[in-house]
Protein backbone atom coordinates (compact mmCIF):
# COMPACT_ATOMS: atom_id res chain seq x y z
CA MET A 1 84.82 212.66 0.31
CA GLY A 2 82.98 209.99 2.17
CA CYS A 3 81.01 207.06 0.63
CA THR A 4 77.18 207.12 1.20
CA LYS A 5 75.26 203.87 1.82
CA PRO A 6 73.04 202.72 -0.75
CA ALA A 7 69.42 203.81 -0.21
CA HIS A 8 68.21 200.05 -0.54
CA LYS A 9 69.72 196.93 0.94
CA THR A 10 69.70 193.86 -1.51
CA LEU A 11 68.28 190.84 -0.30
CA ASN A 12 69.34 187.29 -1.22
CA VAL A 13 65.90 185.68 -1.56
CA GLU A 14 66.23 181.85 -1.79
CA LYS A 15 64.27 179.96 -4.36
CA PRO A 16 61.53 177.87 -2.80
CA LYS A 17 62.93 174.12 -2.22
CA PHE A 18 61.28 171.62 -4.95
CA GLU A 19 58.97 169.28 -3.22
CA PRO A 20 58.15 166.14 -5.66
CA LEU A 21 54.51 164.80 -5.70
CA PHE A 22 53.49 161.26 -4.86
CA GLN A 23 50.10 159.85 -5.67
CA VAL A 24 48.31 156.49 -5.50
CA SER A 25 45.12 155.80 -7.36
CA GLU A 26 42.02 154.82 -5.48
CA ASN A 27 42.19 151.02 -6.44
CA LEU A 28 45.66 151.17 -5.37
CA LEU A 29 47.11 149.65 -8.69
CA ILE A 30 48.71 152.78 -9.92
CA ALA A 31 51.35 154.90 -8.21
CA LYS A 32 52.92 158.12 -9.79
CA ILE A 33 55.81 160.00 -8.82
CA THR A 34 56.35 163.62 -10.25
CA THR A 35 59.72 165.08 -9.73
CA ASN A 36 62.34 167.23 -11.57
CA LYS A 37 64.94 166.40 -13.77
CA ASN A 38 67.47 165.92 -10.96
CA PHE A 39 65.06 162.97 -9.89
CA THR A 40 64.63 164.69 -6.42
CA ALA A 41 63.67 162.17 -3.81
CA TYR A 42 63.01 159.34 -6.49
CA ASP A 43 64.78 156.77 -4.51
CA SER A 44 62.75 156.99 -1.31
CA LEU A 45 59.37 157.40 -3.14
CA SER A 46 60.01 154.50 -5.56
CA LEU A 47 60.27 152.26 -2.61
CA ALA A 48 56.82 153.26 -1.55
CA ALA A 49 55.68 153.07 -5.47
CA LYS A 50 56.97 149.51 -5.56
CA LYS A 51 55.43 148.44 -2.27
CA GLY A 52 53.30 145.26 -2.75
CA ILE A 53 49.51 145.52 -2.45
CA SER A 54 47.77 143.48 0.31
CA ILE A 55 46.01 140.24 -0.19
CA ASN A 56 42.69 141.80 1.27
CA LYS A 57 42.70 144.69 -1.38
CA LEU A 58 43.35 142.11 -4.32
CA ILE A 59 40.51 140.11 -3.12
CA ASP A 60 38.38 143.05 -3.07
CA LEU A 61 39.17 143.60 -6.69
CA ALA A 62 38.73 139.86 -7.82
CA ASP A 63 35.64 139.06 -5.60
CA SER A 64 34.01 141.60 -3.86
CA THR A 65 31.13 139.64 -2.55
CA LEU A 66 33.40 137.40 -0.46
CA HIS A 67 32.31 137.86 3.32
CA ASP A 68 35.20 139.06 5.76
CA SER A 69 34.88 135.83 7.63
CA SER A 70 35.37 133.84 4.51
CA ARG A 71 38.23 136.10 3.51
CA ILE A 72 40.51 135.04 6.34
CA MET A 73 40.44 131.51 5.43
CA PHE A 74 42.21 132.31 2.22
CA LEU A 75 44.63 134.76 3.33
CA PRO A 76 47.17 131.89 4.22
CA LEU A 77 46.71 130.38 0.78
CA LEU A 78 46.93 133.21 -1.18
CA ASN A 79 49.79 134.48 0.75
CA ASP A 80 51.74 131.41 -0.58
CA LEU A 81 50.67 131.67 -4.03
CA LEU A 82 51.09 135.38 -4.03
CA PRO A 83 54.32 136.41 -2.26
CA GLU A 84 54.81 140.14 -2.10
CA ASN A 85 57.11 140.34 -5.12
CA LYS A 86 54.26 139.21 -7.45
CA ARG A 87 52.06 141.70 -5.72
CA SER A 88 54.45 144.79 -6.33
CA ARG A 89 54.01 147.77 -8.58
CA LYS A 90 56.44 147.65 -11.65
CA LEU A 91 57.86 150.57 -13.58
CA ASN A 92 55.63 151.15 -16.39
CA SER A 93 56.12 154.53 -17.83
CA ILE A 94 58.48 157.74 -17.64
CA SER A 95 57.33 160.98 -19.45
CA LEU A 96 58.81 164.65 -19.58
CA LYS A 97 56.51 167.48 -19.27
CA ASN A 98 57.23 171.26 -18.64
CA ASN A 99 60.71 170.34 -16.92
CA LEU A 100 58.83 167.80 -14.77
CA VAL A 101 59.28 164.06 -14.74
CA ASP A 102 56.37 161.77 -14.38
CA ILE A 103 57.18 158.16 -13.52
CA THR A 104 54.47 155.65 -13.39
CA PHE A 105 54.28 152.22 -11.57
CA LEU A 106 51.53 149.56 -12.32
CA LEU A 107 50.40 146.41 -10.96
CA ASP A 108 48.92 144.46 -13.89
CA THR A 109 45.98 142.15 -12.22
CA THR A 110 45.74 140.24 -15.73
CA LEU A 111 47.35 137.06 -13.85
CA ILE A 112 46.63 137.82 -10.32
CA SER A 113 42.99 138.19 -10.29
CA PRO A 114 42.53 134.61 -12.05
CA ILE A 115 44.61 133.09 -9.32
CA ILE A 116 42.63 134.60 -6.70
CA ARG A 117 39.18 133.49 -8.31
CA GLN A 118 40.51 130.17 -9.07
CA THR A 119 41.79 129.62 -5.55
CA ILE A 120 38.27 130.44 -4.05
CA SER A 121 36.26 128.45 -6.74
CA LYS A 122 38.53 125.35 -6.15
CA TYR A 123 36.90 125.32 -2.54
CA SER A 124 33.24 125.79 -3.81
CA ILE A 125 32.02 122.31 -4.22
CA ASP A 126 29.37 121.89 -6.62
CA LYS A 127 29.34 118.21 -6.90
CA THR A 128 28.22 115.33 -4.89
CA ILE A 129 30.80 114.47 -2.11
CA ASN A 130 31.14 110.71 -3.13
CA PRO A 131 31.60 110.84 -7.00
CA LEU A 132 32.26 107.00 -6.87
CA PHE A 133 28.33 106.82 -6.45
CA ASP A 134 27.29 109.92 -8.20
CA ARG A 135 24.23 109.38 -10.46
CA ASN A 136 24.16 113.00 -11.63
CA GLY A 137 23.13 114.22 -8.52
CA ILE A 138 21.98 117.76 -7.89
CA ILE A 139 22.79 119.51 -4.75
CA PRO A 140 19.74 120.64 -2.84
CA ASN A 141 19.05 124.34 -2.31
CA PHE A 142 20.04 124.36 1.35
CA SER A 143 19.07 127.88 1.97
CA GLN A 144 15.52 126.81 1.53
CA LEU A 145 15.77 123.09 3.44
CA SER A 146 14.73 122.76 6.94
CA PRO A 147 14.36 119.74 9.31
CA THR A 148 10.98 118.26 10.04
CA THR A 149 11.81 119.03 13.66
CA TYR A 150 14.65 121.13 15.42
CA LEU A 151 17.89 119.24 15.92
CA ALA A 152 19.66 119.32 19.46
CA LEU A 153 22.98 120.85 19.44
CA PRO A 154 25.46 117.95 19.59
CA THR A 155 27.43 119.65 22.55
CA GLU A 156 24.89 121.24 25.28
CA LYS A 157 26.85 124.27 26.18
CA LEU A 158 28.46 125.34 22.79
CA ASN A 159 26.63 127.48 20.44
CA LEU A 160 27.07 127.42 16.54
CA PRO A 161 30.35 129.04 15.65
CA THR A 162 30.30 131.82 13.50
CA LYS A 163 34.20 131.89 12.03
CA ALA A 164 33.86 130.69 8.39
CA SER A 165 36.98 128.46 9.16
CA ARG A 166 34.85 126.36 11.42
CA LEU A 167 31.87 125.90 9.09
CA PRO A 168 30.87 124.07 5.96
CA ASN A 169 32.63 124.88 2.65
CA ALA A 170 36.06 126.16 4.35
CA PRO A 171 39.24 125.19 2.63
CA ARG A 172 41.53 122.62 4.18
CA ALA A 173 44.68 123.10 2.24
CA TYR A 174 46.54 120.49 4.34
CA ARG A 175 44.44 117.79 2.80
CA SER A 176 43.48 119.37 -0.57
CA GLY A 177 39.93 119.22 0.41
CA VAL A 178 36.91 121.10 1.69
CA HIS A 179 35.45 121.28 5.15
CA ARG A 180 32.27 119.33 5.15
CA GLY A 181 31.01 120.00 8.74
CA ILE A 182 30.96 122.14 11.86
CA ASP A 183 33.77 122.33 14.27
CA PHE A 184 32.69 122.98 17.91
CA PHE A 185 35.78 123.87 19.67
CA SER A 186 35.35 122.30 23.33
CA ASN A 187 37.50 121.07 26.13
CA TRP A 188 38.83 117.60 25.97
CA GLY A 189 36.25 115.29 27.23
CA THR A 190 33.07 117.41 26.54
CA LEU A 191 29.90 115.37 26.49
CA VAL A 192 28.51 114.73 23.08
CA ARG A 193 24.86 114.00 22.26
CA SER A 194 22.77 112.81 19.42
CA VAL A 195 21.28 115.56 17.50
CA ALA A 196 18.09 113.59 16.69
CA ASP A 197 16.50 110.02 17.21
CA GLY A 198 18.43 107.33 15.01
CA VAL A 199 20.35 104.10 14.95
CA VAL A 200 24.09 103.88 15.31
CA ILE A 201 25.73 102.44 12.18
CA ARG A 202 29.45 102.84 13.07
CA ALA A 203 31.08 103.22 16.58
CA ASP A 204 34.88 103.13 16.85
CA LEU A 205 34.99 101.42 20.28
CA ASN A 206 38.34 99.72 19.54
CA TYR A 207 40.24 103.00 17.96
CA LYS A 208 43.88 103.11 17.80
CA GLU A 209 45.74 106.21 16.82
CA ILE A 210 47.73 106.07 13.70
CA ASP A 211 51.62 106.81 13.50
CA PRO A 212 52.25 110.44 12.83
CA ASP A 213 54.75 109.68 9.90
CA PHE A 214 52.09 107.28 8.23
CA ARG A 215 49.55 110.25 8.48
CA ILE A 216 51.83 112.51 6.66
CA GLU A 217 52.72 109.90 3.95
CA ILE A 218 48.80 109.55 3.35
CA LEU A 219 48.20 113.39 3.26
CA ASN A 220 51.01 113.52 0.64
CA LYS A 221 49.06 111.01 -1.46
CA ALA A 222 46.21 113.43 -1.18
CA ALA A 223 48.03 116.27 -2.38
CA LYS A 224 49.14 114.52 -5.45
CA LEU A 225 45.39 113.81 -6.32
CA ASP A 226 44.67 117.31 -5.33
CA ARG A 227 41.42 116.08 -3.47
CA THR A 228 40.84 114.16 -0.33
CA PRO A 229 39.85 110.49 -1.29
CA SER A 230 36.89 108.98 0.67
CA ASP A 231 39.14 106.25 2.10
CA ILE A 232 41.66 108.76 3.65
CA PHE A 233 38.78 111.09 5.04
CA ASN A 234 36.55 108.60 6.40
CA GLU A 235 39.15 106.03 7.75
CA LEU A 236 41.89 108.14 9.07
CA LEU A 237 41.10 111.70 9.28
CA LEU A 238 37.87 111.27 11.20
CA GLY A 239 39.87 109.62 13.95
CA GLN A 240 37.30 107.93 16.49
CA ALA A 241 33.99 108.53 15.09
CA VAL A 242 30.38 107.66 15.48
CA ILE A 243 27.73 107.77 12.65
CA ILE A 244 24.09 107.86 13.13
CA ASP A 245 21.41 107.03 10.62
CA HIS A 246 18.37 109.16 11.04
CA GLY A 247 16.48 107.67 8.37
CA PHE A 248 14.25 109.56 5.92
CA GLU A 249 11.82 111.45 8.51
CA LEU A 250 14.23 114.15 9.47
CA PHE A 251 14.42 115.78 5.87
CA THR A 252 11.55 115.10 3.38
CA GLY A 253 13.02 113.17 0.30
CA PHE A 254 16.26 112.68 1.84
CA ARG A 255 17.98 110.02 4.04
CA ALA A 256 19.98 111.89 6.64
CA ILE A 257 23.02 110.73 8.64
CA THR A 258 25.21 112.65 11.35
CA ILE A 259 28.87 112.07 11.88
CA TYR A 260 30.69 112.66 15.20
CA ALA A 261 34.64 112.86 14.79
CA HIS A 262 37.88 113.17 16.69
CA LEU A 263 36.15 111.75 19.86
CA SER A 264 38.22 110.57 22.93
CA HIS A 265 35.68 108.08 24.30
CA ILE A 266 32.57 106.32 23.01
CA ASN A 267 30.27 104.67 25.69
CA LYS A 268 30.40 100.68 25.54
CA ASN A 269 26.96 100.42 24.88
CA ILE A 270 27.01 102.24 21.53
CA LYS A 271 27.34 99.78 18.90
CA PRO A 272 26.01 99.35 15.36
CA GLY A 273 22.23 98.83 15.70
CA TYR A 274 21.79 100.79 18.80
CA LYS A 275 18.73 102.78 18.89
CA ILE A 276 19.82 106.36 20.13
CA SER A 277 17.32 109.22 21.26
CA LYS A 278 17.61 112.88 20.47
CA GLY A 279 19.95 114.51 23.32
CA GLU A 280 21.32 111.10 24.43
CA VAL A 281 24.84 111.47 25.71
CA PHE A 282 27.16 108.90 24.00
CA SER A 283 30.56 110.06 23.77
CA LYS A 284 33.22 112.76 24.86
CA SER A 285 35.04 115.02 22.45
CA GLY A 286 38.86 114.68 21.71
CA ASN A 287 41.34 115.29 18.95
CA THR A 288 41.88 111.75 17.73
CA GLY A 289 42.69 111.74 13.95
CA THR A 290 44.49 115.08 14.18
CA ARG A 291 48.25 115.87 13.81
CA PRO A 292 48.68 116.62 17.67
CA SER A 293 46.87 113.42 18.54
CA THR A 294 49.36 111.41 16.58
CA LEU A 295 52.07 113.14 18.49
CA GLY A 296 50.60 112.13 21.84
CA THR A 297 49.18 115.48 22.89
CA ARG A 298 45.64 116.81 23.44
CA LYS A 299 45.82 120.06 21.59
CA GLU A 300 43.28 121.29 19.09
CA SER A 301 40.43 119.30 20.94
CA HIS A 302 37.25 119.69 19.28
CA LEU A 303 33.99 117.95 17.73
CA HIS A 304 33.85 117.67 14.13
CA TRP A 305 29.99 117.18 13.33
CA GLU A 306 28.52 116.62 10.03
CA LEU A 307 25.12 116.51 8.59
CA ILE A 308 24.96 114.54 5.29
CA LEU A 309 21.54 114.03 3.11
CA GLN A 310 21.41 111.31 0.49
CA ASP A 311 18.82 110.78 -2.52
CA LYS A 312 18.94 108.32 -5.13
CA ASP A 313 21.42 110.19 -7.35
CA GLY A 314 24.04 111.37 -4.78
CA GLU A 315 24.97 112.67 -1.36
CA TYR A 316 25.55 116.06 0.01
CA TYR A 317 26.84 117.80 3.08
CA PHE A 318 24.58 120.23 4.48
CA GLY A 319 25.10 123.80 3.58
CA GLN A 320 27.33 122.61 0.58
CA GLY A 321 28.22 125.53 -1.79
CA LEU A 322 26.42 128.20 0.25
CA LYS A 323 28.08 131.73 0.43
CA TYR A 324 28.62 132.76 4.45
CA ASP A 325 25.48 134.75 5.12
CA GLU A 326 23.22 132.19 3.57
CA LEU A 327 25.17 129.30 5.20
CA ASN A 328 24.85 130.86 8.51
CA ARG A 329 21.01 131.53 8.13
CA SER A 330 20.66 127.78 6.81
CA LEU A 331 22.51 126.53 9.82
CA ASN A 332 20.58 128.33 12.50
CA ARG A 333 17.40 126.83 11.01
CA LEU A 334 18.58 123.44 12.15
CA PHE A 335 18.77 124.19 15.72
CA LYS A 336 16.30 125.65 18.19
């Protein structure tokens, strides 16, 4: 008697392959892996969970008011202070539920956020710029201060820059200080003119560039002080410079001076006591006082320009302490 085939064929149904779950919180501080007891895919997922959070995101969490242009300035500083291993999530907990394992990684910002805030606030100057002569001066509200007459731009064909790194209040880590003026990036030898009527009180006609090693030595001293002393700033870092006194007429209640630094040439007639007119060309831009200049190159040529206001209690650079948007509006009110 022959065998009969079974009426129904037995099928071997494969169990569905287990897929672990990887989740990250909206603020990126928490990452969670959900896997099985065999820890399927844990090795690869844990690398993603431990990945360092970007400086940009951490700045958002620490100071959401910082403008994008200002944020860019602080990235190199904060990258040095917060390398990736300090920005990485760490294993926080492991729990078992319904034959699944939840593994949580966490970045605790308790230490990180204060570092970010302190770094930013370090370069937010709220004191007079020459404390040796300070009489408890109060910084003017530059967002409401305008000149009695519009200023001429110090370089005819260059408009105000928009990058925060070229404006007042930008950090200058190489000298442990803060930028007090505006950098007009120009070709070597661009004509420079006075922004208003005034009297020349400094003109470095016989300027000689300093030795590069000496410059580094001096900047190391500034680093030890964690600030830029006035002698280092005024006598070395300005390079070949001209300072013009505009008296008390330009800003009500203040004496105003302007500083033109890193020059490559000053006209021979520009001497202390010379009465200069608004728009009068008196020098050319360069890079004196900078590292490239001490090495004999013309790299990083630009005009560094400052507007300093003084009253009986202290002196202040224009725009001091303002956030980016307010600073831009205030600087644009200076020029027509």
